[in-house]
C-alpha atoms as a PDB file:
ATOM      1  CA  MET A   1     -10.199 -14.060   6.769  1.00  0.00           C
ATOM      2  CA  GLU A   2     -12.481 -11.325   7.343  1.00  0.00           C
ATOM      3  CA  ASP A   3     -11.325  -8.215   6.023  1.00  0.00           C
ATOM      4  CA  GLU A   4     -10.836  -6.134   9.551  1.00  0.00           C
ATOM      5  CA  GLU A   5      -8.731  -9.522  10.310  1.00  0.00           C
ATOM      6  CA  ILE A   6      -6.213  -9.590   7.248  1.00  0.00           C
ATOM      7  CA  ILE A   7      -5.639  -5.851   8.001  1.00  0.00           C
ATOM      8  CA  ALA A   8      -4.673  -6.693  11.944  1.00  0.00           C
ATOM      9  CA  LEU A   9      -2.040  -9.306  10.039  1.00  0.00           C
ATOM     10  CA  TYR A  10      -0.856  -5.931   7.898  1.00  0.00           C
ATOM     11  CA  PHE A  11      -0.402  -3.876  11.240  1.00  0.00           C
ATOM     12  CA  ALA A  12       1.266  -6.930  12.745  1.00  0.00           C
ATOM     13  CA  ARG A  13       4.007  -7.047   9.905  1.00  0.00           C
ATOM     14  CA  ASP A  14       2.820  -9.970   9.774  1.00  0.00           C
ATOM     15  CA  GLU A  15       3.376 -11.999   6.370  1.00  0.00           C
ATOM     16  CA  LYS A  16       0.417 -13.843   6.656  1.00  0.00           C
ATOM     17  CA  ALA A  17      -0.958 -10.840   5.588  1.00  0.00           C
ATOM     18  CA  ILE A  18       0.006 -10.899   1.964  1.00  0.00           C
ATOM     19  CA  ALA A  19      -0.898 -14.743   1.900  1.00  0.00           C
ATOM     20  CA  GLU A  20      -4.759 -14.827   3.186  1.00  0.00           C
ATOM     21  CA  THR A  21      -5.311 -10.875   0.585  1.00  0.00           C
ATOM     22  CA  ASP A  22      -3.846 -13.266  -2.239  1.00  0.00           C
ATOM     23  CA  ARG A  23      -6.014 -15.649  -1.190  1.00  0.00           C
ATOM     24  CA  LYS A  24      -9.294 -14.139  -0.560  1.00  0.00           C
ATOM     25  CA  TYR A  25      -8.690 -11.436  -3.423  1.00  0.00           C
ATOM     26  CA  GLY A  26      -6.605 -12.609  -5.967  1.00  0.00           C
ATOM     27  CA  THR A  27      -8.942 -13.959  -8.421  1.00  0.00           C
ATOM     28  CA  ARG A  28     -10.878 -10.856  -8.845  1.00  0.00           C
ATOM     29  CA  CYS A  29      -7.245  -8.681  -9.325  1.00  0.00           C
ATOM     30  CA  ARG A  30      -6.306 -11.238 -11.899  1.00  0.00           C
ATOM     31  CA  ARG A  31      -8.893 -10.882 -13.495  1.00  0.00           C
ATOM     32  CA  LEU A  32      -9.254  -7.172 -13.821  1.00  0.00           C
ATOM     33  CA  GLY A  33      -5.723  -7.113 -14.653  1.00  0.00           C
ATOM     34  CA  ILE A  34      -6.052  -9.306 -17.710  1.00  0.00           C
ATOM     35  CA  ARG A  35      -8.906  -6.971 -18.848  1.00  0.00           C
ATOM     36  CA  ILE A  36      -6.948  -4.430 -19.090  1.00  0.00           C
ATOM     37  CA  LEU A  37      -3.680  -5.537 -20.122  1.00  0.00           C
ATOM     38  CA  GLY A  38      -4.719  -8.574 -21.965  1.00  0.00           C
ATOM     39  CA  ASN A  39      -2.295 -11.022 -20.858  1.00  0.00           C
ATOM     40  CA  PRO A  40      -2.056 -13.112 -17.476  1.00  0.00           C
ATOM     41  CA  GLN A  41       1.543 -12.791 -16.886  1.00  0.00           C
ATOM     42  CA  ASP A  42       1.565  -8.855 -16.361  1.00  0.00           C
ATOM     43  CA  ALA A  43      -2.001  -9.440 -14.508  1.00  0.00           C
ATOM     44  CA  GLU A  44       0.182 -11.829 -12.495  1.00  0.00           C
ATOM     45  CA  GLU A  45       3.483  -9.680 -11.542  1.00  0.00           C
ATOM     46  CA  CYS A  46       0.661  -6.164 -10.876  1.00  0.00           C
ATOM     47  CA  CYS A  47      -1.071  -8.599  -8.810  1.00  0.00           C
ATOM     48  CA  ASN A  48       2.110  -9.057  -7.401  1.00  0.00           C
ATOM     49  CA  ASP A  49       3.255  -5.222  -7.561  1.00  0.00           C
ATOM     50  CA  VAL A  50      -0.017  -4.288  -5.745  1.00  0.00           C
ATOM     51  CA  TRP A  51       0.529  -6.969  -2.484  1.00  0.00           C
ATOM     52  CA  LEU A  52       3.423  -5.044  -2.274  1.00  0.00           C
ATOM     53  CA  LYS A  53       1.770  -1.760  -2.213  1.00  0.00           C
ATOM     54  CA  ALA A  54      -0.935  -3.254   0.608  1.00  0.00           C
ATOM     55  CA  TRP A  55       2.127  -3.676   1.867  1.00  0.00           C
ATOM     56  CA  ASN A  56       4.073  -0.922   2.323  1.00  0.00           C
ATOM     57  CA  THR A  57       1.142   1.469   2.464  1.00  0.00           C
ATOM     58  CA  ILE A  58      -0.488  -0.584   5.748  1.00  0.00           C
ATOM     59  CA  PRO A  59       0.244   0.490   7.867  1.00  0.00           C
ATOM     60  CA  PRO A  60      -0.486   3.768   8.456  1.00  0.00           C
ATOM     61  CA  GLN A  61      -3.500   3.677   5.781  1.00  0.00           C
ATOM     62  CA  LYS A  62      -6.143   1.773   7.388  1.00  0.00           C
ATOM     63  CA  PRO A  63      -8.381   1.185   4.641  1.00  0.00           C
ATOM     64  CA  ALA A  64     -12.476   1.098   5.305  1.00  0.00           C
ATOM     65  CA  PHE A  65     -13.034  -0.763   2.112  1.00  0.00           C
ATOM     66  CA  PHE A  66     -10.489  -3.302   1.771  1.00  0.00           C
ATOM     67  CA  SER A  67     -11.407  -4.604  -1.606  1.00  0.00           C
ATOM     68  CA  ALA A  68     -12.301  -0.916  -3.075  1.00  0.00           C
ATOM     69  CA  TYR A  69      -8.973  -0.152  -2.144  1.00  0.00           C
ATOM     70  CA  LEU A  70      -6.992  -3.500  -3.188  1.00  0.00           C
ATOM     71  CA  VAL A  71      -9.158  -2.741  -6.834  1.00  0.00           C
ATOM     72  CA  LYS A  72      -8.127   0.727  -6.923  1.00  0.00           C
ATOM     73  CA  LEU A  73      -4.260  -0.345  -6.357  1.00  0.00           C
ATOM     74  CA  MET A  74      -4.833  -2.853  -9.202  1.00  0.00           C
ATOM     75  CA  ARG A  75      -6.085  -0.391 -11.447  1.00  0.00           C
ATOM     76  CA  ASN A  76      -3.954   1.845 -11.374  1.00  0.00           C
ATOM     77  CA  ALA A  77      -0.987  -0.768 -11.591  1.00  0.00           C
ATOM     78  CA  ALA A  78      -2.546  -2.174 -14.923  1.00  0.00           C
ATOM     79  CA  LEU A  79      -2.847   1.064 -16.057  1.00  0.00           C
ATOM     80  CA  ASN A  80       0.192   2.039 -15.840  1.00  0.00           C
ATOM     81  CA  LEU A  81       1.958  -0.948 -17.497  1.00  0.00           C
ATOM     82  CA  TYR A  82      -0.645  -0.994 -20.032  1.00  0.00           C
ATOM     83  CA  GLU A  83       0.871   2.686 -20.367  1.00  0.00           C
ATOM     84  CA  LYS A  84       4.292   1.649 -20.514  1.00  0.00           C
ATOM     85  CA  LEU A  85       4.146  -1.544 -22.733  1.00  0.00           C
ATOM     86  CA  HIS A  86       1.630   1.075 -25.061  1.00  0.00           C
ATOM     87  CA  ALA A  87       3.825   3.944 -24.846  1.00  0.00           C
ATOM     88  CA  GLU A  88       4.370   4.307 -29.105  1.00  0.00           C
ATOM     89  CA  LYS A  89       1.093   3.166 -29.999  1.00  0.00           C
ATOM     90  CA  ARG A  90      -2.649   2.952 -29.065  1.00  0.00           C
ATOM     91  CA  GLY A  91      -5.749   1.035 -30.470  1.00  0.00           C
ATOM     92  CA  GLY A  92      -7.462  -1.774 -30.426  1.00  0.00           C
ATOM     93  CA  THR A  93      -7.073  -3.255 -26.762  1.00  0.00           C
ATOM     94  CA  GLN A  94     -10.170  -2.587 -24.252  1.00  0.00           C
ATOM     95  CA  THR A  95      -7.763  -0.114 -22.483  1.00  0.00           C
ATOM     96  CA  ALA A  96      -7.618   2.488 -24.794  1.00  0.00           C
ATOM     97  CA  VAL A  97     -11.738   1.772 -26.113  1.00  0.00           C
ATOM     98  CA  LEU A  98     -12.227   2.719 -22.388  1.00  0.00           C
ATOM     99  CA  LEU A  99     -10.276   5.895 -22.065  1.00  0.00           C
ATOM    100  CA  ASP A 100     -11.732   7.337 -25.544  1.00  0.00           C
ATOM    101  CA  GLU A 101     -15.262   6.659 -24.127  1.00  0.00           C
ATOM    102  CA  LEU A 102     -14.508   9.014 -20.829  1.00  0.00           C
ATOM    103  CA  GLU A 103     -12.212  11.605 -23.167  1.00  0.00           C
ATOM    104  CA  ASP A 104     -14.880  13.155 -23.050  1.00  0.00           C
ATOM    105  CA  CYS A 105     -15.641  13.753 -18.861  1.00  0.00           C
ATOM    106  CA  LEU A 106     -11.889  14.065 -18.518  1.00  0.00           C
ATOM    107  CA  ALA A 107     -10.028  17.015 -17.693  1.00  0.00           C
ATOM    108  CA  ALA A 108      -7.445  17.845 -21.059  1.00  0.00           C
ATOM    109  CA  PRO A 109      -3.438  17.307 -19.559  1.00  0.00           C
ATOM    110  CA  ASP A 110      -2.734  21.090 -19.861  1.00  0.00           C
ATOM    111  CA  ASP A 111      -6.336  22.098 -18.720  1.00  0.00           C
ATOM    112  CA  ILE A 112      -4.566  23.657 -15.451  1.00  0.00           C
ATOM    113  CA  GLU A 113      -8.226  25.306 -14.096  1.00  0.00           C
ATOM    114  CA  ALA A 114     -10.512  22.555 -15.151  1.00  0.00           C
ATOM    115  CA  GLN A 115      -7.559  20.010 -13.053  1.00  0.00           C
ATOM    116  CA  ILE A 116      -8.385  18.920 -10.325  1.00  0.00           C
ATOM    117  CA  SER A 117      -7.476  16.399  -6.636  1.00  0.00           C
ATOM    118  CA  GLU A 118      -8.691  13.087  -7.212  1.00  0.00           C
ATOM    119  CA  SER A 119     -10.085  12.436  -4.241  1.00  0.00           C
ATOM    120  CA  GLU A 120     -11.753  15.520  -5.319  1.00  0.00           C
ATOM    121  CA  THR A 121     -12.640  13.606  -8.012  1.00  0.00           C
ATOM    122  CA  ALA A 122     -13.688  10.753  -7.584  1.00  0.00           C
ATOM    123  CA  GLU A 123     -16.375  12.247  -4.169  1.00  0.00           C
ATOM    124  CA  LEU A 124     -17.678  14.368  -7.623  1.00  0.00           C
ATOM    125  CA  LEU A 125     -18.375  10.652  -9.305  1.00  0.00           C
ATOM    126  CA  ARG A 126     -19.904   9.364  -6.103  1.00  0.00           C
ATOM    127  CA  GLN A 127     -22.110  12.584  -5.743  1.00  0.00           C
ATOM    128  CA  TYR A 128     -22.830  12.259  -9.124  1.00  0.00           C
ATOM    129  CA  LEU A 129     -23.466   8.294  -8.913  1.00  0.00           C
ATOM    130  CA  LYS A 130     -26.323   8.438  -6.058  1.00  0.00           C
ATOM    131  CA  ASN A 131     -28.505   9.789  -8.572  1.00  0.00           C
ATOM    132  CA  VAL A 132     -28.620   7.685 -11.307  1.00  0.00           C
ATOM    133  CA  SER A 133     -30.354   4.206 -11.012  1.00  0.00           C
ATOM    134  CA  GLU A 134     -29.038   1.429  -9.479  1.00  0.00           C
ATOM    135  CA  GLU A 135     -28.592  -0.621 -12.774  1.00  0.00           C
ATOM    136  CA  ALA A 136     -26.905   2.359 -14.454  1.00  0.00           C
ATOM    137  CA  ARG A 137     -24.924   2.631 -11.489  1.00  0.00           C
ATOM    138  CA  ASN A 138     -23.419  -0.837 -11.436  1.00  0.00           C
ATOM    139  CA  ILE A 139     -23.074  -1.123 -14.780  1.00  0.00           C
ATOM    140  CA  PHE A 140     -21.099   2.370 -15.018  1.00  0.00           C
ATOM    141  CA  ILE A 141     -18.571   0.667 -12.589  1.00  0.00           C
ATOM    142  CA  LEU A 142     -18.178  -2.692 -14.187  1.00  0.00           C
ATOM    143  CA  ARG A 143     -17.664  -1.144 -17.402  1.00  0.00           C
ATOM    144  CA  TYR A 144     -15.474   1.550 -15.781  1.00  0.00           C
ATOM    145  CA  VAL A 145     -14.042   0.306 -12.902  1.00  0.00           C
ATOM    146  CA  TYR A 146     -13.658  -3.539 -13.780  1.00  0.00           C
ATOM    147  CA  MET A 147     -13.416  -2.711 -17.275  1.00  0.00           C
ATOM    148  CA  MET A 148     -16.133  -5.309 -17.979  1.00  0.00           C
ATOM    149  CA  PRO A 149     -16.252  -5.822 -21.825  1.00  0.00           C
ATOM    150  CA  VAL A 150     -20.481  -4.457 -22.555  1.00  0.00           C
ATOM    151  CA  LYS A 151     -20.912  -7.832 -23.836  1.00  0.00           C
ATOM    152  CA  ASP A 152     -20.289  -9.381 -20.265  1.00  0.00           C
ATOM    153  CA  ILE A 153     -22.322  -6.848 -18.807  1.00  0.00           C
ATOM    154  CA  ALA A 154     -25.362  -7.505 -20.855  1.00  0.00           C
ATOM    155  CA  GLU A 155     -24.934 -11.125 -20.191  1.00  0.00           C
ATOM    156  CA  LYS A 156     -24.333 -10.222 -16.171  1.00  0.00           C
ATOM    157  CA  TYR A 157     -27.850  -8.973 -15.983  1.00  0.00           C
ATOM    158  CA  GLU A 158     -29.359 -10.615 -19.297  1.00  0.00           C
ATOM    159  CA  ILE A 159     -30.105  -7.429 -21.157  1.00  0.00           C
ATOM    160  CA  GLY A 160     -29.012  -6.313 -24.752  1.00  0.00           C
ATOM    161  CA  VAL A 161     -26.163  -5.043 -25.491  1.00  0.00           C
ATOM    162  CA  SER A 162     -27.362  -1.702 -26.574  1.00  0.00           C
ATOM    163  CA  LYS A 163     -28.894  -1.366 -23.613  1.00  0.00           C
ATOM    164  CA  VAL A 164     -25.657  -0.907 -21.725  1.00  0.00           C
ATOM    165  CA  LYS A 165     -24.342   1.421 -24.674  1.00  0.00           C
ATOM    166  CA  VAL A 166     -26.971   3.414 -24.186  1.00  0.00           C
ATOM    167  CA  SER A 167     -27.161   3.109 -21.058  1.00  0.00           C
ATOM    168  CA  LEU A 168     -23.084   4.250 -20.555  1.00  0.00           C
ATOM    169  CA  HIS A 169     -23.979   6.797 -22.990  1.00  0.00           C
ATOM    170  CA  ARG A 170     -26.500   8.827 -20.934  1.00  0.00           C
ATOM    171  CA  THR A 171     -24.420   8.157 -17.484  1.00  0.00           C
ATOM    172  CA  ARG A 172     -21.023   9.633 -19.596  1.00  0.00           C
ATOM    173  CA  LYS A 173     -24.187  12.958 -21.206  1.00  0.00           C
ATOM    174  CA  GLY A 174     -25.201  12.936 -17.235  1.00  0.00           C
ATOM    175  CA  LEU A 175     -21.747  13.211 -15.111  1.00  0.00           C
ATOM    176  CA  ARG A 176     -20.727  16.248 -17.954  1.00  0.00           C
ATOM    177  CA  ASP A 177     -24.129  17.774 -17.456  1.00  0.00           C
ATOM    178  CA  PHE A 178     -23.778  17.327 -13.880  1.00  0.00           C
ATOM    179  CA  LEU A 179     -20.383  19.022 -14.058  1.00  0.00           C
ATOM    180  CA  GLY A 180     -21.755  21.953 -16.065  1.00  0.00           C
ATOM    181  CA  GLY A 181     -20.921  21.191 -18.969  1.00  0.00           C
ATOM    182  CA  GLU A 182     -17.119  21.635 -17.323  1.00  0.00           C
ATOM    183  CA  GLN A 183     -15.261  18.880 -17.986  1.00  0.00           C
ATOM    184  CA  LEU A 184     -13.003  17.502 -14.961  1.00  0.00           C
END
């Protein structure tokens, strides 16, 4: 079933929308949840939260890119659960490593002037990523949106792990430079 048809089911308040969403995007969302949380049961819980959130937000929202909308909901749900589960300790997991990698590009929570809305941040990131090579953009997105391990990205593109790491480093540095040395 096409995305437009699934969204039409949401607008019609037909519960089949949830089943069709799960059929088409469930595997992708669960994989992302497992990458973030490291646990299939927690990923499944987040998936259920995402389906409920989609049900509650469509309508009035009508996402232009349904798969990206669901991935964003899943990533946010998984990161929120991760924070809840690891409130006392941070370390060792893929998510903590990713957050550390992006620390220089993110605003400090107490720096009011550096904080900007999520939509402005997304637009700045989109603008920056338009100006990098397709390979660098894809590597960055796989790493920081889909939270794919460096080794898996290297295997996917049939390149060395070190090339992936260098690409990520240069892309993060370029993002900092793009922002004029200021942090998001």
